[in-house]
Structures are given as C-alpha cells and as structure tokens.
Amino acid sequence: IQLLSTGADSANYVESFLANASRLADPDAIRVYKVERKEGDRLGVIYGDYPSRMAASKALQQLPPQLKAYGPYPRQVRRLRN
C-alpha cells in the first residue's frame, strides 16, 4: 500500500511521517524507497506486503484514518536485484 510519495528534498517530512505511522500501524511493515528520476528523486512510503491487489485493498480499508490522509492505494513495488 502506497502511503506517501514526495520529493527526496522532503526527507525531514518523511521521517516525521514515519514516526507517526509507526505509532499507528505495525512499524515492521513500513518501508521507504527511493526512485531516481531525471526531474528529481522521489521518496515513497509503503505499508505491508500482500499476495494480491484484493488483499491489499482489504488491508487499506483497515488503516487508521490518519494514514489515509494522502490517499493511499494498492501498488506493486518491484524489488531491486543486485
């Protein structure tokens, strides 16, 4: 579930969001990722790992209202390979 996406220059805000989210939901299920783009790097905050889009949609409905502030949605995140 994508909880937040913002410019990489907003790292301090992302840290604050993470601190709050960790109090509201399972902190072990919260992850941050970075996407490098020519128009500027972005940071994303995702929650959970689900076997299907339907499972993610159901989990999204159970999120506390504070974590729904930025319009979270199910999304696929590809893992980087070394």
Protein backbone atom coordinates (compact mmCIF):
# COMPACT_ATOMS: atom_id res chain seq x y z
CA ILE A 1 0.00 0.00 0.00
CA GLN A 2 1.48 3.33 -1.04
CA LEU A 3 1.00 5.68 1.90
CA LEU A 4 3.03 8.68 0.75
CA SER A 5 5.11 9.86 -2.18
CA THR A 6 7.11 13.09 -2.12
CA GLY A 7 10.26 14.73 -3.41
CA ALA A 8 13.53 13.49 -1.93
CA ASP A 9 14.14 17.01 -0.64
CA SER A 10 11.33 16.36 1.87
CA ALA A 11 13.32 13.76 3.83
CA ASN A 12 12.63 15.51 7.15
CA TYR A 13 8.89 15.35 6.49
CA VAL A 14 9.16 11.65 5.59
CA GLU A 15 10.97 11.00 8.89
CA SER A 16 8.16 12.73 10.79
CA PHE A 17 5.54 10.78 8.83
CA LEU A 18 7.36 7.53 9.64
CA ALA A 19 7.47 8.29 13.35
CA ASN A 20 3.73 8.93 13.37
CA ALA A 21 2.90 5.94 11.15
CA SER A 22 4.97 3.66 13.36
CA ARG A 23 2.74 4.54 16.31
CA LEU A 24 -0.43 3.87 14.30
CA ALA A 25 0.48 0.65 12.49
CA ASP A 26 2.99 -2.21 12.57
CA PRO A 27 6.38 -0.48 12.22
CA ASP A 28 7.92 -3.65 10.76
CA ALA A 29 5.54 -3.39 7.79
CA ILE A 30 6.52 0.20 6.88
CA ARG A 31 9.24 0.75 4.29
CA VAL A 32 10.74 3.69 2.44
CA TYR A 33 12.07 3.53 -1.08
CA LYS A 34 13.76 5.99 -3.39
CA VAL A 35 13.17 6.44 -7.11
CA GLU A 36 15.72 8.31 -9.17
CA ARG A 37 14.17 10.35 -11.99
CA LYS A 38 15.65 12.97 -14.27
CA GLU A 39 13.12 15.52 -12.99
CA GLY A 40 14.15 14.80 -9.41
CA ASP A 41 14.38 11.93 -6.96
CA ARG A 42 11.28 10.82 -5.06
CA LEU A 43 10.72 9.02 -1.77
CA GLY A 44 7.84 6.66 -1.24
CA VAL A 45 6.45 5.12 1.94
CA ILE A 46 4.72 1.76 1.59
CA TYR A 47 2.95 -0.46 4.07
CA GLY A 48 2.78 -4.24 4.06
CA ASP A 49 3.37 -6.99 1.57
CA TYR A 50 0.24 -8.63 0.18
CA PRO A 51 -0.32 -11.68 -2.02
CA SER A 52 -2.85 -9.88 -4.22
CA ARG A 53 -4.28 -6.47 -5.03
CA MET A 54 -7.55 -7.58 -3.38
CA ALA A 55 -5.73 -8.41 -0.13
CA ALA A 56 -4.02 -5.01 -0.21
CA SER A 57 -7.36 -3.28 -0.82
CA LYS A 58 -8.88 -5.02 2.19
CA ALA A 59 -5.91 -4.05 4.37
CA LEU A 60 -6.15 -0.47 3.14
CA GLN A 61 -9.73 -0.26 4.44
CA GLN A 62 -8.44 -1.21 7.91
CA LEU A 63 -5.83 1.55 8.10
CA PRO A 64 -6.31 4.25 10.73
CA PRO A 65 -7.79 7.48 9.31
CA GLN A 66 -4.51 9.35 9.91
CA LEU A 67 -2.74 7.03 7.44
CA LYS A 68 -5.40 7.67 4.80
CA ALA A 69 -4.67 11.42 4.66
CA TYR A 70 -2.68 11.24 1.40
CA GLY A 71 -4.99 8.90 -0.48
CA PRO A 72 -3.20 5.57 -0.06
CA TYR A 73 -3.67 2.96 -2.74
CA PRO A 74 -2.53 -0.57 -3.52
CA ARG A 75 0.53 -0.59 -5.74
CA GLN A 76 3.13 -3.01 -6.92
CA VAL A 77 6.69 -2.23 -5.93
CA ARG A 78 9.37 -4.02 -7.85
CA ARG A 79 12.32 -5.24 -5.87
CA LEU A 80 15.77 -4.30 -6.99
CA ARG A 81 18.08 -7.10 -7.97
CA ASN A 82 21.79 -6.93 -7.22
